[in-house]
Each structure stands twice: as structure tokens, then as C-alpha cells.
PDB file of N, CA and C in Angstrom:
ATOM      1  N   MET A   1     -22.405 -18.620   2.137  1.00  0.00           N
ATOM      2  CA  MET A   1     -22.520 -17.120   1.337  1.00  0.00           C
ATOM      3  C   MET A   1     -23.397 -17.773   0.281  1.00  0.00           C
ATOM      4  N   GLY A   2     -24.571 -17.016   0.345  1.00  0.00           N
ATOM      5  CA  GLY A   2     -25.467 -17.412  -0.796  1.00  0.00           C
ATOM      6  C   GLY A   2     -24.826 -16.913  -2.071  1.00  0.00           C
ATOM      7  N   LEU A   3     -25.130 -17.213  -3.558  1.00  0.00           N
ATOM      8  CA  LEU A   3     -24.882 -16.694  -4.465  1.00  0.00           C
ATOM      9  C   LEU A   3     -25.392 -15.015  -4.892  1.00  0.00           C
ATOM     10  N   VAL A   4     -26.268 -14.689  -4.000  1.00  0.00           N
ATOM     11  CA  VAL A   4     -26.857 -13.418  -4.392  1.00  0.00           C
ATOM     12  C   VAL A   4     -26.141 -12.648  -3.760  1.00  0.00           C
ATOM     13  N   ALA A   5     -25.620 -12.919  -2.835  1.00  0.00           N
ATOM     14  CA  ALA A   5     -24.797 -12.234  -1.132  1.00  0.00           C
ATOM     15  C   ALA A   5     -23.473 -12.100  -2.147  1.00  0.00           C
ATOM     16  N   ALA A   6     -22.604 -13.328  -2.377  1.00  0.00           N
ATOM     17  CA  ALA A   6     -21.437 -13.487  -3.235  1.00  0.00           C
ATOM     18  C   ALA A   6     -21.350 -12.147  -4.009  1.00  0.00           C
ATOM     19  N   ALA A   7     -22.432 -12.126  -5.386  1.00  0.00           N
ATOM     20  CA  ALA A   7     -22.126 -11.456  -6.295  1.00  0.00           C
ATOM     21  C   ALA A   7     -22.214 -10.436  -5.668  1.00  0.00           C
ATOM     22  N   ALA A   8     -23.310  -9.796  -4.890  1.00  0.00           N
ATOM     23  CA  ALA A   8     -23.182  -8.759  -4.712  1.00  0.00           C
ATOM     24  C   ALA A   8     -22.220  -7.988  -4.049  1.00  0.00           C
ATOM     25  N   ASP A   9     -21.479  -8.805  -2.987  1.00  0.00           N
ATOM     26  CA  ASP A   9     -19.771  -8.175  -2.622  1.00  0.00           C
ATOM     27  C   ASP A   9     -19.296  -8.439  -3.716  1.00  0.00           C
ATOM     28  N   ALA A  10     -18.886  -9.050  -4.753  1.00  0.00           N
ATOM     29  CA  ALA A  10     -17.684  -8.999  -5.523  1.00  0.00           C
ATOM     30  C   ALA A  10     -18.371  -7.692  -6.286  1.00  0.00           C
ATOM     31  N   LYS A  11     -19.482  -7.482  -6.223  1.00  0.00           N
ATOM     32  CA  LYS A  11     -19.625  -6.374  -7.205  1.00  0.00           C
ATOM     33  C   LYS A  11     -19.159  -4.626  -6.542  1.00  0.00           C
ATOM     34  N   GLU A  12     -19.167  -4.980  -5.014  1.00  0.00           N
ATOM     35  CA  GLU A  12     -18.488  -3.339  -4.285  1.00  0.00           C
ATOM     36  C   GLU A  12     -17.094  -3.775  -3.882  1.00  0.00           C
ATOM     37  N   GLY A  13     -16.419  -5.276  -4.564  1.00  0.00           N
ATOM     38  CA  GLY A  13     -15.127  -5.087  -4.449  1.00  0.00           C
ATOM     39  C   GLY A  13     -14.474  -6.241  -3.109  1.00  0.00           C
ATOM     40  N   LYS A  14     -15.829  -7.082  -2.673  1.00  0.00           N
ATOM     41  CA  LYS A  14     -14.995  -7.839  -1.392  1.00  0.00           C
ATOM     42  C   LYS A  14     -14.963  -9.009  -2.381  1.00  0.00           C
ATOM     43  N   VAL A  15     -14.149 -10.109  -1.842  1.00  0.00           N
ATOM     44  CA  VAL A  15     -14.062 -11.526  -2.223  1.00  0.00           C
ATOM     45  C   VAL A  15     -13.540 -12.336  -0.960  1.00  0.00           C
ATOM     46  N   GLN A  16     -14.585 -13.203  -0.283  1.00  0.00           N
ATOM     47  CA  GLN A  16     -14.831 -14.304   1.035  1.00  0.00           C
ATOM     48  C   GLN A  16     -13.788 -15.596   0.193  1.00  0.00           C
ATOM     49  N   TYR A  17     -12.625 -16.094   0.983  1.00  0.00           N
ATOM     50  CA  TYR A  17     -12.401 -16.889   0.807  1.00  0.00           C
ATOM     51  C   TYR A  17     -12.357 -18.252   1.557  1.00  0.00           C
ATOM     52  N   SER A  18     -12.529 -17.910   2.969  1.00  0.00           N
ATOM     53  CA  SER A  18     -13.124 -18.793   3.958  1.00  0.00           C
ATOM     54  C   SER A  18     -13.752 -17.865   4.989  1.00  0.00           C
ATOM     55  N   LYS A  19     -14.368 -18.682   6.140  1.00  0.00           N
ATOM     56  CA  LYS A  19     -14.935 -18.092   7.183  1.00  0.00           C
ATOM     57  C   LYS A  19     -13.653 -16.897   7.949  1.00  0.00           C
ATOM     58  N   HIS A  20     -12.675 -16.903   8.215  1.00  0.00           N
ATOM     59  CA  HIS A  20     -11.762 -15.816   8.210  1.00  0.00           C
ATOM     60  C   HIS A  20     -10.894 -14.645   7.418  1.00  0.00           C
ATOM     61  N   VAL A  21     -10.767 -15.217   6.088  1.00  0.00           N
ATOM     62  CA  VAL A  21     -10.039 -14.705   5.048  1.00  0.00           C
ATOM     63  C   VAL A  21     -10.735 -14.251   3.831  1.00  0.00           C
ATOM     64  N   PHE A  22     -10.832 -13.068   3.832  1.00  0.00           N
ATOM     65  CA  PHE A  22     -11.127 -12.164   2.281  1.00  0.00           C
ATOM     66  C   PHE A  22     -10.633 -11.233   2.122  1.00  0.00           C
ATOM     67  N   SER A  23     -10.580 -10.614   1.270  1.00  0.00           N
ATOM     68  CA  SER A  23     -10.283  -9.345   0.725  1.00  0.00           C
ATOM     69  C   SER A  23     -11.227  -8.330   0.302  1.00  0.00           C
ATOM     70  N   PRO A  24     -10.886  -6.953   0.929  1.00  0.00           N
ATOM     71  CA  PRO A  24     -11.843  -6.072   0.705  1.00  0.00           C
ATOM     72  C   PRO A  24     -11.921  -5.381  -0.283  1.00  0.00           C
ATOM     73  N   ALA A  25     -10.463  -5.563  -1.136  1.00  0.00           N
ATOM     74  CA  ALA A  25     -10.602  -4.358  -2.390  1.00  0.00           C
ATOM     75  C   ALA A  25      -9.353  -5.334  -3.027  1.00  0.00           C
ATOM     76  N   ARG A  26      -9.544  -5.223  -4.395  1.00  0.00           N
ATOM     77  CA  ARG A  26      -7.774  -5.616  -4.932  1.00  0.00           C
ATOM     78  C   ARG A  26      -6.925  -5.112  -4.798  1.00  0.00           C
ATOM     79  N   GLY A  27      -5.435  -6.086  -4.435  1.00  0.00           N
ATOM     80  CA  GLY A  27      -4.637  -6.118  -3.793  1.00  0.00           C
ATOM     81  C   GLY A  27      -4.884  -6.036  -2.338  1.00  0.00           C
ATOM     82  N   VAL A  28      -5.133  -6.533  -1.401  1.00  0.00           N
ATOM     83  CA  VAL A  28      -5.271  -6.623  -0.078  1.00  0.00           C
ATOM     84  C   VAL A  28      -6.278  -7.846   0.479  1.00  0.00           C
ATOM     85  N   ILE A  29      -5.851  -8.467   1.466  1.00  0.00           N
ATOM     86  CA  ILE A  29      -6.248  -9.602   1.785  1.00  0.00           C
ATOM     87  C   ILE A  29      -6.391  -9.895   3.364  1.00  0.00           C
ATOM     88  N   CYS A  30      -7.178 -10.002   4.269  1.00  0.00           N
ATOM     89  CA  CYS A  30      -7.123  -9.808   5.572  1.00  0.00           C
ATOM     90  C   CYS A  30      -7.307 -11.117   6.175  1.00  0.00           C
ATOM     91  N   ASP A  31      -7.099 -11.220   7.132  1.00  0.00           N
ATOM     92  CA  ASP A  31      -7.196 -12.595   8.181  1.00  0.00           C
ATOM     93  C   ASP A  31      -7.557 -12.122   9.636  1.00  0.00           C
ATOM     94  N   THR A  32      -9.107 -12.251   9.905  1.00  0.00           N
ATOM     95  CA  THR A  32      -9.705 -12.424  11.144  1.00  0.00           C
ATOM     96  C   THR A  32      -9.561 -13.125  11.976  1.00  0.00           C
ATOM     97  N   TYR A  33      -8.674 -14.288  11.848  1.00  0.00           N
ATOM     98  CA  TYR A  33      -8.827 -15.432  12.623  1.00  0.00           C
ATOM     99  C   TYR A  33      -7.423 -15.314  14.032  1.00  0.00           C
ATOM    100  N   GLY A  34      -7.717 -15.061  15.054  1.00  0.00           N
ATOM    101  CA  GLY A  34      -6.652 -15.098  15.895  1.00  0.00           C
ATOM    102  C   GLY A  34      -6.189 -13.949  15.900  1.00  0.00           C
ATOM    103  N   THR A  35      -4.866 -13.511  16.038  1.00  0.00           N
ATOM    104  CA  THR A  35      -4.659 -12.110  15.651  1.00  0.00           C
ATOM    105  C   THR A  35      -4.806 -11.282  14.505  1.00  0.00           C
ATOM    106  N   ALA A  36      -5.678 -10.976  14.209  1.00  0.00           N
ATOM    107  CA  ALA A  36      -6.047 -10.239  12.969  1.00  0.00           C
ATOM    108  C   ALA A  36      -5.337  -8.981  12.367  1.00  0.00           C
ATOM    109  N   TYR A  37      -5.128  -9.408  10.668  1.00  0.00           N
ATOM    110  CA  TYR A  37      -4.002  -8.534  10.220  1.00  0.00           C
ATOM    111  C   TYR A  37      -4.565  -8.502   8.524  1.00  0.00           C
ATOM    112  N   CYS A  38      -4.045  -7.441   7.916  1.00  0.00           N
ATOM    113  CA  CYS A  38      -4.074  -7.704   6.749  1.00  0.00           C
ATOM    114  C   CYS A  38      -2.666  -7.402   6.170  1.00  0.00           C
ATOM    115  N   ALA A  39      -2.685  -7.572   4.818  1.00  0.00           N
ATOM    116  CA  ALA A  39      -1.381  -7.665   3.830  1.00  0.00           C
ATOM    117  C   ALA A  39      -1.646  -7.082   2.331  1.00  0.00           C
ATOM    118  N   ASP A  40      -0.457  -6.730   1.672  1.00  0.00           N
ATOM    119  CA  ASP A  40      -0.671  -6.680   0.311  1.00  0.00           C
ATOM    120  C   ASP A  40       0.307  -7.116  -0.168  1.00  0.00           C
ATOM    121  N   GLY A  41       0.831  -6.891  -1.714  1.00  0.00           N
ATOM    122  CA  GLY A  41       1.567  -7.441  -2.168  1.00  0.00           C
ATOM    123  C   GLY A  41       3.127  -7.131  -1.547  1.00  0.00           C
ATOM    124  N   THR A  42       3.115  -6.093  -0.308  1.00  0.00           N
ATOM    125  CA  THR A  42       4.670  -5.916   0.095  1.00  0.00           C
ATOM    126  C   THR A  42       4.682  -6.963   1.309  1.00  0.00           C
ATOM    127  N   GLY A  43       3.629  -7.308   1.698  1.00  0.00           N
ATOM    128  CA  GLY A  43       3.770  -8.152   3.097  1.00  0.00           C
ATOM    129  C   GLY A  43       2.420  -7.284   4.052  1.00  0.00           C
ATOM    130  N   ILE A  44       2.576  -8.202   5.190  1.00  0.00           N
ATOM    131  CA  ILE A  44       1.708  -7.488   6.733  1.00  0.00           C
ATOM    132  C   ILE A  44       2.039  -6.064   6.232  1.00  0.00           C
ATOM    133  N   SER A  45       0.267  -5.028   6.200  1.00  0.00           N
ATOM    134  CA  SER A  45       0.583  -3.782   6.512  1.00  0.00           C
ATOM    135  C   SER A  45      -0.504  -3.444   7.317  1.00  0.00           C
ATOM    136  N   MET A  46       0.382  -2.480   8.232  1.00  0.00           N
ATOM    137  CA  MET A  46      -0.437  -1.998   9.383  1.00  0.00           C
ATOM    138  C   MET A  46      -1.434  -0.847   9.006  1.00  0.00           C
ATOM    139  N   SER A  47      -1.452  -0.100   8.033  1.00  0.00           N
ATOM    140  CA  SER A  47      -2.251   0.291   7.321  1.00  0.00           C
ATOM    141  C   SER A  47      -3.309   0.282   6.862  1.00  0.00           C
ATOM    142  N   TRP A  48      -3.144  -1.041   6.048  1.00  0.00           N
ATOM    143  CA  TRP A  48      -4.608  -1.840   5.439  1.00  0.00           C
ATOM    144  C   TRP A  48      -5.051  -2.446   6.855  1.00  0.00           C
ATOM    145  N   THR A  49      -4.276  -2.800   7.606  1.00  0.00           N
ATOM    146  CA  THR A  49      -5.040  -3.598   9.135  1.00  0.00           C
ATOM    147  C   THR A  49      -5.950  -2.326   9.546  1.00  0.00           C
ATOM    148  N   GLU A  50      -4.817  -1.438   9.690  1.00  0.00           N
ATOM    149  CA  GLU A  50      -6.152  -0.249  10.694  1.00  0.00           C
ATOM    150  C   GLU A  50      -7.551  -0.013   9.640  1.00  0.00           C
ATOM    151  N   LYS A  51      -7.328   0.331   8.495  1.00  0.00           N
ATOM    152  CA  LYS A  51      -8.340   0.764   7.987  1.00  0.00           C
ATOM    153  C   LYS A  51      -9.329  -0.285   7.808  1.00  0.00           C
ATOM    154  N   TYR A  52      -8.927  -1.765   7.335  1.00  0.00           N
ATOM    155  CA  TYR A  52     -10.324  -2.747   7.287  1.00  0.00           C
ATOM    156  C   TYR A  52     -10.474  -3.639   8.464  1.00  0.00           C
ATOM    157  N   LEU A  53      -9.591  -3.548   9.910  1.00  0.00           N
ATOM    158  CA  LEU A  53     -10.046  -4.413  10.941  1.00  0.00           C
ATOM    159  C   LEU A  53     -10.010  -3.415  11.837  1.00  0.00           C
ATOM    160  N   GLY A  54      -9.577  -2.190  12.303  1.00  0.00           N
ATOM    161  CA  GLY A  54     -10.065  -0.961  13.152  1.00  0.00           C
ATOM    162  C   GLY A  54      -8.437  -1.259  14.044  1.00  0.00           C
ATOM    163  N   PRO A  55      -8.325  -0.208  14.919  1.00  0.00           N
ATOM    164  CA  PRO A  55      -7.264   0.239  15.618  1.00  0.00           C
ATOM    165  C   PRO A  55      -6.893  -0.825  16.584  1.00  0.00           C
ATOM    166  N   LYS A  56      -7.947  -1.437  17.093  1.00  0.00           N
ATOM    167  CA  LYS A  56      -7.363  -2.453  18.069  1.00  0.00           C
ATOM    168  C   LYS A  56      -6.845  -3.739  17.577  1.00  0.00           C
ATOM    169  N   ALA A  57      -7.074  -4.216  16.165  1.00  0.00           N
ATOM    170  CA  ALA A  57      -6.437  -4.894  15.328  1.00  0.00           C
ATOM    171  C   ALA A  57      -4.865  -4.641  15.081  1.00  0.00           C
ATOM    172  N   VAL A  58      -4.634  -3.579  15.221  1.00  0.00           N
ATOM    173  CA  VAL A  58      -3.183  -3.123  14.947  1.00  0.00           C
ATOM    174  C   VAL A  58      -2.397  -3.291  16.448  1.00  0.00           C
ATOM    175  N   SER A  59      -3.302  -2.716  17.247  1.00  0.00           N
ATOM    176  CA  SER A  59      -2.720  -2.602  18.308  1.00  0.00           C
ATOM    177  C   SER A  59      -2.527  -4.154  19.185  1.00  0.00           C
ATOM    178  N   ALA A  60      -3.069  -5.514  18.905  1.00  0.00           N
ATOM    179  CA  ALA A  60      -3.043  -6.750  18.877  1.00  0.00           C
ATOM    180  C   ALA A  60      -2.003  -6.938  18.654  1.00  0.00           C
ATOM    181  N   PHE A  61      -1.820  -6.931  16.994  1.00  0.00           N
ATOM    182  CA  PHE A  61      -0.537  -7.274  16.629  1.00  0.00           C
ATOM    183  C   PHE A  61       0.257  -6.381  16.730  1.00  0.00           C
ATOM    184  N   THR A  62       0.886  -4.980  16.969  1.00  0.00           N
ATOM    185  CA  THR A  62       1.891  -4.670  16.972  1.00  0.00           C
ATOM    186  C   THR A  62       2.144  -5.269  18.686  1.00  0.00           C
ATOM    187  N   LYS A  63       1.788  -5.966  19.268  1.00  0.00           N
ATOM    188  CA  LYS A  63       1.950  -6.576  20.981  1.00  0.00           C
ATOM    189  C   LYS A  63       2.264  -7.995  20.246  1.00  0.00           C
ATOM    190  N   MET A  64       2.153  -8.458  19.581  1.00  0.00           N
ATOM    191  CA  MET A  64       2.099  -9.752  19.530  1.00  0.00           C
ATOM    192  C   MET A  64       3.795  -9.651  18.801  1.00  0.00           C
ATOM    193  N   THR A  65       3.889  -8.603  17.906  1.00  0.00           N
ATOM    194  CA  THR A  65       5.569  -8.830  16.994  1.00  0.00           C
ATOM    195  C   THR A  65       6.172  -8.266  17.704  1.00  0.00           C
ATOM    196  N   GLU A  66       5.955  -7.589  19.147  1.00  0.00           N
ATOM    197  CA  GLU A  66       7.002  -6.345  19.787  1.00  0.00           C
ATOM    198  C   GLU A  66       8.394  -7.387  20.373  1.00  0.00           C
ATOM    199  N   GLY A  67       9.506  -6.593  19.917  1.00  0.00           N
ATOM    200  CA  GLY A  67      10.917  -7.370  20.771  1.00  0.00           C
ATOM    201  C   GLY A  67      11.431  -8.536  19.668  1.00  0.00           C
ATOM    202  N   GLY A  68      10.845  -9.091  18.808  1.00  0.00           N
ATOM    203  CA  GLY A  68      10.936  -9.869  18.109  1.00  0.00           C
ATOM    204  C   GLY A  68      11.215  -9.834  16.403  1.00  0.00           C
ATOM    205  N   ASP A  69      11.962 -10.591  15.989  1.00  0.00           N
ATOM    206  CA  ASP A  69      12.617 -10.263  14.641  1.00  0.00           C
ATOM    207  C   ASP A  69      11.508 -10.707  13.553  1.00  0.00           C
ATOM    208  N   PHE A  70      10.314  -9.701  13.381  1.00  0.00           N
ATOM    209  CA  PHE A  70       9.690 -10.199  13.104  1.00  0.00           C
ATOM    210  C   PHE A  70       9.830  -9.761  11.231  1.00  0.00           C
ATOM    211  N   ASP A  71       9.316 -10.474  10.580  1.00  0.00           N
ATOM    212  CA  ASP A  71       9.831 -10.336   9.056  1.00  0.00           C
ATOM    213  C   ASP A  71       7.968 -10.612   8.261  1.00  0.00           C
ATOM    214  N   GLY A  72       7.101  -9.744   7.936  1.00  0.00           N
ATOM    215  CA  GLY A  72       6.009  -9.393   7.271  1.00  0.00           C
ATOM    216  C   GLY A  72       5.888  -9.842   6.045  1.00  0.00           C
ATOM    217  N   SER A  73       7.072 -10.201   5.372  1.00  0.00           N
ATOM    218  CA  SER A  73       6.741 -10.280   3.968  1.00  0.00           C
ATOM    219  C   SER A  73       6.237 -11.941   3.485  1.00  0.00           C
ATOM    220  N   THR A  74       6.408 -12.813   4.709  1.00  0.00           N
ATOM    221  CA  THR A  74       5.589 -13.821   4.270  1.00  0.00           C
ATOM    222  C   THR A  74       4.758 -14.136   5.078  1.00  0.00           C
ATOM    223  N   PHE A  75       3.744 -14.538   5.050  1.00  0.00           N
ATOM    224  CA  PHE A  75       2.536 -14.991   6.230  1.00  0.00           C
ATOM    225  C   PHE A  75       1.919 -15.919   5.619  1.00  0.00           C
ATOM    226  N   VAL A  76       1.365 -16.811   6.894  1.00  0.00           N
ATOM    227  CA  VAL A  76       0.232 -18.042   6.787  1.00  0.00           C
ATOM    228  C   VAL A  76      -1.013 -17.616   6.768  1.00  0.00           C
ATOM    229  N   LEU A  77      -2.314 -17.726   6.421  1.00  0.00           N
ATOM    230  CA  LEU A  77      -3.442 -17.305   6.521  1.00  0.00           C
ATOM    231  C   LEU A  77      -4.381 -18.152   6.941  1.00  0.00           C
ATOM    232  N   SER A  78      -5.276 -18.100   7.680  1.00  0.00           N
ATOM    233  CA  SER A  78      -5.949 -19.060   8.506  1.00  0.00           C
ATOM    234  C   SER A  78      -6.482 -20.373   8.110  1.00  0.00           C
ATOM    235  N   ASN A  79      -6.755 -20.236   6.736  1.00  0.00           N
ATOM    236  CA  ASN A  79      -6.934 -21.060   5.736  1.00  0.00           C
ATOM    237  C   ASN A  79      -6.053 -22.070   5.253  1.00  0.00           C
ATOM    238  N   GLY A  80      -5.151 -21.574   5.503  1.00  0.00           N
ATOM    239  CA  GLY A  80      -3.172 -22.556   4.786  1.00  0.00           C
ATOM    240  C   GLY A  80      -3.061 -21.904   3.890  1.00  0.00           C
ATOM    241  N   VAL A  81      -3.209 -20.795   3.232  1.00  0.00           N
ATOM    242  CA  VAL A  81      -2.507 -21.094   2.365  1.00  0.00           C
ATOM    243  C   VAL A  81      -1.202 -19.728   2.728  1.00  0.00           C
ATOM    244  N   GLN A  82      -0.568 -19.718   2.409  1.00  0.00           N
ATOM    245  CA  GLN A  82       0.903 -19.193   2.570  1.00  0.00           C
ATOM    246  C   GLN A  82       1.586 -18.628   1.548  1.00  0.00           C
ATOM    247  N   CYS A  83       1.337 -16.746   1.926  1.00  0.00           N
ATOM    248  CA  CYS A  83       1.802 -15.745   0.782  1.00  0.00           C
ATOM    249  C   CYS A  83       3.261 -15.462   0.868  1.00  0.00           C
ATOM    250  N   ARG A  84       4.091 -15.405   0.060  1.00  0.00           N
ATOM    251  CA  ARG A  84       5.381 -14.925  -0.306  1.00  0.00           C
ATOM    252  C   ARG A  84       6.109 -13.907  -1.152  1.00  0.00           C
ATOM    253  N   THR A  85       6.017 -12.523  -0.560  1.00  0.00           N
ATOM    254  CA  THR A  85       6.151 -11.762  -1.757  1.00  0.00           C
ATOM    255  C   THR A  85       7.632 -11.787  -1.974  1.00  0.00           C
ATOM    256  N   ALA A  86       8.228 -12.492  -1.986  1.00  0.00           N
ATOM    257  CA  ALA A  86       9.783 -13.016  -2.599  1.00  0.00           C
ATOM    258  C   ALA A  86       9.067 -13.464  -4.162  1.00  0.00           C
ATOM    259  N   VAL A  87       8.651 -13.758  -4.213  1.00  0.00           N
ATOM    260  CA  VAL A  87       8.012 -14.545  -5.368  1.00  0.00           C
ATOM    261  C   VAL A  87       6.725 -13.598  -5.901  1.00  0.00           C
ATOM    262  N   ASN A  88       5.993 -12.975  -5.027  1.00  0.00           N
ATOM    263  CA  ASN A  88       4.962 -12.423  -5.704  1.00  0.00           C
ATOM    264  C   ASN A  88       3.809 -13.630  -6.015  1.00  0.00           C
ATOM    265  N   ALA A  89       3.569 -14.532  -4.742  1.00  0.00           N
ATOM    266  CA  ALA A  89       2.824 -15.710  -5.134  1.00  0.00           C
ATOM    267  C   ALA A  89       2.160 -16.239  -3.245  1.00  0.00           C
ATOM    268  N   CYS A  90       1.471 -16.750  -3.785  1.00  0.00           N
ATOM    269  CA  CYS A  90       0.258 -17.833  -2.370  1.00  0.00           C
ATOM    270  C   CYS A  90       0.490 -19.093  -3.117  1.00  0.00           C
ATOM    271  N   PHE A  91       0.638 -19.813  -2.101  1.00  0.00           N
ATOM    272  CA  PHE A  91       0.936 -21.454  -2.184  1.00  0.00           C
ATOM    273  C   PHE A  91      -0.331 -22.241  -0.951  1.00  0.00           C
ATOM    274  N   THR A  92      -0.985 -22.840  -1.301  1.00  0.00           N
ATOM    275  CA  THR A  92      -1.557 -24.070  -0.671  1.00  0.00           C
ATOM    276  C   THR A  92      -0.762 -24.780   0.255  1.00  0.00           C
ATOM    277  N   GLN A  93      -0.943 -24.858   1.330  1.00  0.00           N
ATOM    278  CA  GLN A  93       0.188 -25.619   2.552  1.00  0.00           C
ATOM    279  C   GLN A  93       0.012 -26.724   2.355  1.00  0.00           C
ATOM    280  N   LYS A  94      -0.859 -27.928   1.326  1.00  0.00           N
ATOM    281  CA  LYS A  94      -0.920 -29.528   1.384  1.00  0.00           C
ATOM    282  C   LYS A  94       0.773 -29.690   0.792  1.00  0.00           C
ATOM    283  N   ASN A  95       0.837 -28.604  -0.354  1.00  0.00           N
ATOM    284  CA  ASN A  95       2.750 -29.835  -0.354  1.00  0.00           C
ATOM    285  C   ASN A  95       3.268 -28.214  -0.592  1.00  0.00           C
ATOM    286  N   GLY A  96       3.092 -27.349  -0.646  1.00  0.00           N
ATOM    287  CA  GLY A  96       3.836 -26.057  -0.294  1.00  0.00           C
ATOM    288  C   GLY A  96       4.374 -25.135  -1.718  1.00  0.00           C
ATOM    289  N   ASN A  97       3.992 -25.913  -3.096  1.00  0.00           N
ATOM    290  CA  ASN A  97       4.490 -25.940  -4.180  1.00  0.00           C
ATOM    291  C   ASN A  97       3.412 -25.604  -5.437  1.00  0.00           C
ATOM    292  N   THR A  98       1.992 -25.564  -4.403  1.00  0.00           N
ATOM    293  CA  THR A  98       0.874 -25.369  -5.514  1.00  0.00           C
ATOM    294  C   THR A  98       0.193 -24.231  -5.467  1.00  0.00           C
ATOM    295  N   ILE A  99       0.228 -23.003  -6.141  1.00  0.00           N
ATOM    296  CA  ILE A  99       0.107 -21.432  -6.409  1.00  0.00           C
ATOM    297  C   ILE A  99      -1.452 -21.746  -6.147  1.00  0.00           C
ATOM    298  N   SER A 100      -1.894 -20.902  -4.848  1.00  0.00           N
ATOM    299  CA  SER A 100      -3.402 -20.699  -4.932  1.00  0.00           C
ATOM    300  C   SER A 100      -3.442 -19.215  -6.077  1.00  0.00           C
ATOM    301  N   GLU A 101      -4.367 -19.878  -6.590  1.00  0.00           N
ATOM    302  CA  GLU A 101      -4.226 -18.631  -8.122  1.00  0.00           C
ATOM    303  C   GLU A 101      -5.003 -17.413  -7.741  1.00  0.00           C
ATOM    304  N   ALA A 102      -6.365 -17.891  -7.332  1.00  0.00           N
ATOM    305  CA  ALA A 102      -7.322 -17.117  -7.050  1.00  0.00           C
ATOM    306  C   ALA A 102      -6.519 -16.262  -6.031  1.00  0.00           C
ATOM    307  N   ILE A 103      -6.204 -16.248  -4.705  1.00  0.00           N
ATOM    308  CA  ILE A 103      -5.258 -15.323  -3.943  1.00  0.00           C
ATOM    309  C   ILE A 103      -3.951 -14.929  -4.584  1.00  0.00           C
ATOM    310  N   THR A 104      -3.799 -15.095  -4.889  1.00  0.00           N
ATOM    311  CA  THR A 104      -2.335 -15.028  -6.064  1.00  0.00           C
ATOM    312  C   THR A 104      -2.820 -13.784  -6.758  1.00  0.00           C
ATOM    313  N   GLN A 105      -4.221 -14.038  -7.702  1.00  0.00           N
ATOM    314  CA  GLN A 105      -4.024 -12.420  -8.760  1.00  0.00           C
ATOM    315  C   GLN A 105      -5.068 -11.959  -7.909  1.00  0.00           C
ATOM    316  N   ARG A 106      -5.350 -12.264  -7.182  1.00  0.00           N
ATOM    317  CA  ARG A 106      -6.147 -11.090  -6.189  1.00  0.00           C
ATOM    318  C   ARG A 106      -4.873 -10.062  -5.493  1.00  0.00           C
ATOM    319  N   ILE A 107      -3.982 -10.441  -4.925  1.00  0.00           N
ATOM    320  CA  ILE A 107      -3.239  -9.966  -4.614  1.00  0.00           C
ATOM    321  C   ILE A 107      -2.133  -8.942  -5.324  1.00  0.00           C
ATOM    322  N   TRP A 108      -1.450  -9.776  -6.721  1.00  0.00           N
ATOM    323  CA  TRP A 108      -0.607  -9.438  -7.610  1.00  0.00           C
ATOM    324  C   TRP A 108      -0.965  -9.019  -8.517  1.00  0.00           C
ATOM    325  N   GLY A 109      -2.271  -9.743  -9.165  1.00  0.00           N
ATOM    326  CA  GLY A 109      -3.321  -9.409 -10.289  1.00  0.00           C
ATOM    327  C   GLY A 109      -3.130  -8.346 -10.674  1.00  0.00           C
TER     328      GLY A 109
END
């Protein structure tokens, strides 16, 4: 993404973190890789998923989690960042203890 495009997106509220991970608005993070979803400070959110990724994404995610004991309060993004709502923070996967400041601030800041 070029500098001009990044500035325009930031003005509109969208921030791109990797090819598939982006934040369409402060407080929301979305991942379009694999079974796409969006999440907020309380965890994976079907309402945000529908708003930003559409009803097909909701249907696919719902099918994937059917019949299981699913807990959406901890989720791992395709860029390797793990978010835990219990501690209001996201961490890099390299050691699991290093906070991803940019994504943490975007969701909970």
C-alpha cells in the first residue's frame, strides 16, 4: 500500500496490518484469511462480521463453530497476533508475551 493510499485509509478510519488483517474502524479488527471474521474488545463478533464482511462470512463462521464448545474471547489473527479479551491485549506469537501495541490500542485504546 502506498503512502498516499495509507493516509487516505487512515483518514477514513481504516488501518491495514497485513494482507488479510485490517481495522475498518477504531475498536474493530477483521481477518479475511480462511474463515473470515471481525472482533472487538469482547471477542469475535457476528454483528461486526456481517457489517464489514457480509452475511456469507457469518454463515461460514457459524458453520465452522457449530456443535463445538467455542469461545470467541481469545482469537489468533492470520498475521500471528493473538488477542485475549480477558486482559484487553493482543500479543505477538513469537514469544506470546510481547504486546502488539498497534492492534491493542486500535481495539481497546
